[in-house]
Amino acid sequence: MWRIPATAAPRERHGEPGSQAPGLPRTGSPSGSGRQRPLPMAGARLAAIASEDIGRTALGVFRHPELIGETVSIAGAHHTGAEIAGLFTAALGEKVVYRPASLDEYRASGAFAADEVANMFAYYVQAADTFTGDRDLDAVRALNPGLQSLPDWLAQHAKEVVR
């Protein structure tokens, strides 16, 4: 399961069927083809990591005593919404479109925890250079050589995040 570090909830299905729960609902054209994920991240890069890589990376930190007392910020990748949509398109074999949403639009969407998620994305966008810049992907890979890329993770789990 890929997660957004720190504040985001896991990509589990919350709410009732048909709710705006996390996942990639089929929307868009009048025929209902294609998938769309509106998120309030503008063109910012999102730091993300597979949840199973969090523990593996922590183990890598524990194996390096020189890191005692240090802050180690981790991520598996930094992708824009459009890049994430392209990776999902490749993994699912059907078009996925990233649609930038405003924070207010997202808050009013009825999505699970919409206020909290909008606040999280506000931080990600406003502090994008720091948020992704603090997460050195090469350093994380040195701690966890098996760190999964989003395409690797999608090869195993893409069907789990669609409904």
Protein backbone atom coordinates (compact mmCIF):
# COMPACT_ATOMS: atom_id res chain seq x y z
CA MET A 1 0.00 0.00 0.00
CA TRP A 2 1.51 3.35 -0.99
CA ARG A 3 1.14 6.09 1.55
CA ILE A 4 1.76 9.75 1.67
CA PRO A 5 4.26 10.16 4.53
CA ALA A 6 3.30 11.55 7.90
CA THR A 7 -0.27 12.77 7.91
CA ALA A 8 -2.27 10.80 5.37
CA ALA A 9 -4.58 7.91 6.06
CA PRO A 10 -3.81 4.58 4.41
CA ARG A 11 -5.38 3.94 1.04
CA GLU A 12 -8.21 1.85 2.44
CA ARG A 13 -11.80 2.02 1.39
CA HIS A 14 -13.73 4.08 3.92
CA GLY A 15 -17.39 4.93 3.95
CA GLU A 16 -20.32 3.32 2.22
CA PRO A 17 -20.33 1.94 -1.33
CA GLY A 18 -20.55 4.79 -3.78
CA SER A 19 -19.03 7.29 -1.34
CA GLN A 20 -16.11 9.47 -2.28
CA ALA A 21 -13.75 7.06 -0.54
CA PRO A 22 -10.10 6.82 -1.54
CA GLY A 23 -9.60 4.95 -4.78
CA LEU A 24 -10.11 5.66 -8.43
CA PRO A 25 -13.83 5.89 -9.17
CA ARG A 26 -14.98 5.53 -12.75
CA THR A 27 -16.06 9.02 -13.83
CA GLY A 28 -15.58 11.48 -16.62
CA SER A 29 -17.21 10.87 -19.96
CA PRO A 30 -20.96 10.42 -20.39
CA SER A 31 -20.34 6.73 -21.14
CA GLY A 32 -18.64 6.36 -17.75
CA SER A 33 -15.34 5.25 -19.26
CA GLY A 34 -12.05 6.29 -17.77
CA ARG A 35 -11.09 7.05 -14.20
CA GLN A 36 -10.50 10.40 -12.59
CA ARG A 37 -8.92 11.37 -9.29
CA PRO A 38 -9.44 15.00 -8.29
CA LEU A 39 -6.87 16.08 -5.70
CA PRO A 40 -5.91 19.56 -4.47
CA MET A 41 -2.16 19.28 -5.17
CA ALA A 42 -1.87 21.64 -8.16
CA GLY A 43 1.43 20.83 -9.92
CA ALA A 44 3.32 19.98 -6.74
CA ARG A 45 5.24 16.74 -6.34
CA LEU A 46 3.89 14.34 -3.78
CA ALA A 47 6.25 12.34 -1.57
CA ALA A 48 4.92 8.80 -1.26
CA ILE A 49 6.12 5.44 0.02
CA ALA A 50 4.80 1.88 0.11
CA SER A 51 3.73 1.11 3.67
CA GLU A 52 5.81 -2.08 3.73
CA ASP A 53 8.86 0.02 2.89
CA ILE A 54 8.42 2.16 6.00
CA GLY A 55 9.42 -0.73 8.29
CA ARG A 56 12.23 -1.89 6.00
CA THR A 57 13.63 1.62 5.90
CA ALA A 58 13.34 1.97 9.69
CA LEU A 59 15.36 -1.25 10.01
CA GLY A 60 17.98 0.33 7.74
CA VAL A 61 18.08 3.37 10.05
CA PHE A 62 18.57 1.13 13.11
CA ARG A 63 21.54 -0.48 11.39
CA HIS A 64 23.31 2.90 11.15
CA PRO A 65 24.29 4.13 14.63
CA GLU A 66 25.58 7.37 13.10
CA LEU A 67 21.92 8.30 12.55
CA ILE A 68 21.12 8.32 16.28
CA GLY A 69 19.60 11.71 17.08
CA GLU A 70 19.10 12.56 13.39
CA THR A 71 15.83 13.15 11.59
CA VAL A 72 15.49 10.78 8.66
CA SER A 73 12.72 11.83 6.28
CA ILE A 74 11.67 9.05 3.95
CA ALA A 75 9.85 8.63 0.65
CA GLY A 76 9.91 6.12 -2.15
CA ALA A 77 9.14 8.59 -4.91
CA HIS A 78 8.17 12.16 -5.72
CA HIS A 79 5.46 12.36 -8.39
CA THR A 80 3.05 15.00 -9.69
CA GLY A 81 -0.63 14.20 -9.99
CA ALA A 82 -0.26 13.89 -13.76
CA GLU A 83 2.66 11.47 -13.37
CA ILE A 84 0.69 9.35 -10.89
CA ALA A 85 -2.27 9.25 -13.30
CA GLY A 86 0.08 8.15 -16.11
CA LEU A 87 1.49 5.35 -13.96
CA PHE A 88 -2.03 4.18 -13.05
CA THR A 89 -3.00 4.31 -16.74
CA ALA A 90 -0.09 2.01 -17.58
CA ALA A 91 -0.83 -0.36 -14.69
CA LEU A 92 -4.59 -0.61 -15.24
CA GLY A 93 -4.61 -0.54 -19.02
CA GLU A 94 -7.24 2.19 -19.03
CA LYS A 95 -7.05 5.96 -18.99
CA VAL A 96 -6.68 7.63 -15.59
CA VAL A 97 -6.80 11.43 -15.51
CA TYR A 98 -5.50 13.69 -12.76
CA ARG A 99 -7.82 16.64 -12.27
CA PRO A 100 -6.44 19.39 -10.06
CA ALA A 101 -9.09 20.53 -7.59
CA SER A 102 -9.11 23.62 -5.41
CA LEU A 103 -8.88 23.12 -1.65
CA ASP A 104 -12.44 24.43 -1.23
CA GLU A 105 -13.75 22.12 -3.96
CA TYR A 106 -12.11 19.14 -2.28
CA ARG A 107 -13.42 20.12 1.17
CA ALA A 108 -16.95 20.25 -0.27
CA SER A 109 -16.58 16.95 -2.18
CA GLY A 110 -17.98 14.66 0.50
CA ALA A 111 -14.78 12.59 0.37
CA PHE A 112 -13.81 10.76 3.55
CA ALA A 113 -11.91 13.17 5.87
CA ALA A 114 -12.08 15.87 3.18
CA ASP A 115 -11.15 18.74 5.53
CA GLU A 116 -8.12 16.90 6.90
CA VAL A 117 -6.99 15.76 3.46
CA ALA A 118 -7.40 19.28 2.05
CA ASN A 119 -5.31 20.67 4.94
CA MET A 120 -2.66 18.03 4.29
CA PHE A 121 -2.50 18.90 0.59
CA ALA A 122 -2.40 22.64 1.41
CA TYR A 123 0.81 21.95 3.33
CA TYR A 124 2.19 19.73 0.57
CA VAL A 125 1.62 22.45 -2.03
CA GLN A 126 2.76 25.41 0.10
CA ALA A 127 5.90 23.64 1.36
CA ALA A 128 6.50 21.46 -1.71
CA ASP A 129 10.21 22.25 -2.09
CA THR A 130 10.91 21.53 1.58
CA PHE A 131 8.54 18.58 1.87
CA THR A 132 10.03 16.68 -1.06
CA GLY A 133 13.50 18.21 -0.72
CA ASP A 134 13.90 16.82 2.80
CA ARG A 135 13.29 13.33 1.43
CA ASP A 136 16.50 12.30 -0.35
CA LEU A 137 15.48 9.29 -2.43
CA ASP A 138 19.06 8.09 -2.93
CA ALA A 139 19.68 8.19 0.83
CA VAL A 140 16.46 6.24 1.44
CA ARG A 141 17.49 3.64 -1.15
CA ALA A 142 20.85 3.29 0.62
CA LEU A 143 18.94 2.43 3.81
CA ASN A 144 16.47 0.18 1.98
CA PRO A 145 17.90 -1.18 -1.30
CA GLY A 146 14.58 -2.97 -1.99
CA LEU A 147 12.58 0.28 -1.92
CA GLN A 148 9.61 -0.13 -4.27
CA SER A 149 8.88 2.32 -7.03
CA LEU A 150 5.26 3.25 -7.64
CA PRO A 151 5.23 1.22 -10.90
CA ASP A 152 6.56 -1.81 -8.98
CA TRP A 153 3.88 -1.40 -6.31
CA LEU A 154 1.14 -0.88 -8.91
CA ALA A 155 2.16 -4.09 -10.71
CA GLN A 156 1.06 -5.94 -7.56
CA HIS A 157 -1.74 -3.75 -6.18
CA ALA A 158 -3.35 -1.52 -8.84
CA LYS A 159 -6.63 -3.45 -8.89
CA GLU A 160 -6.97 -3.01 -5.11
CA VAL A 161 -7.35 0.77 -5.34
CA VAL A 162 -10.09 0.84 -7.96
CA ARG A 163 -13.78 0.29 -7.46
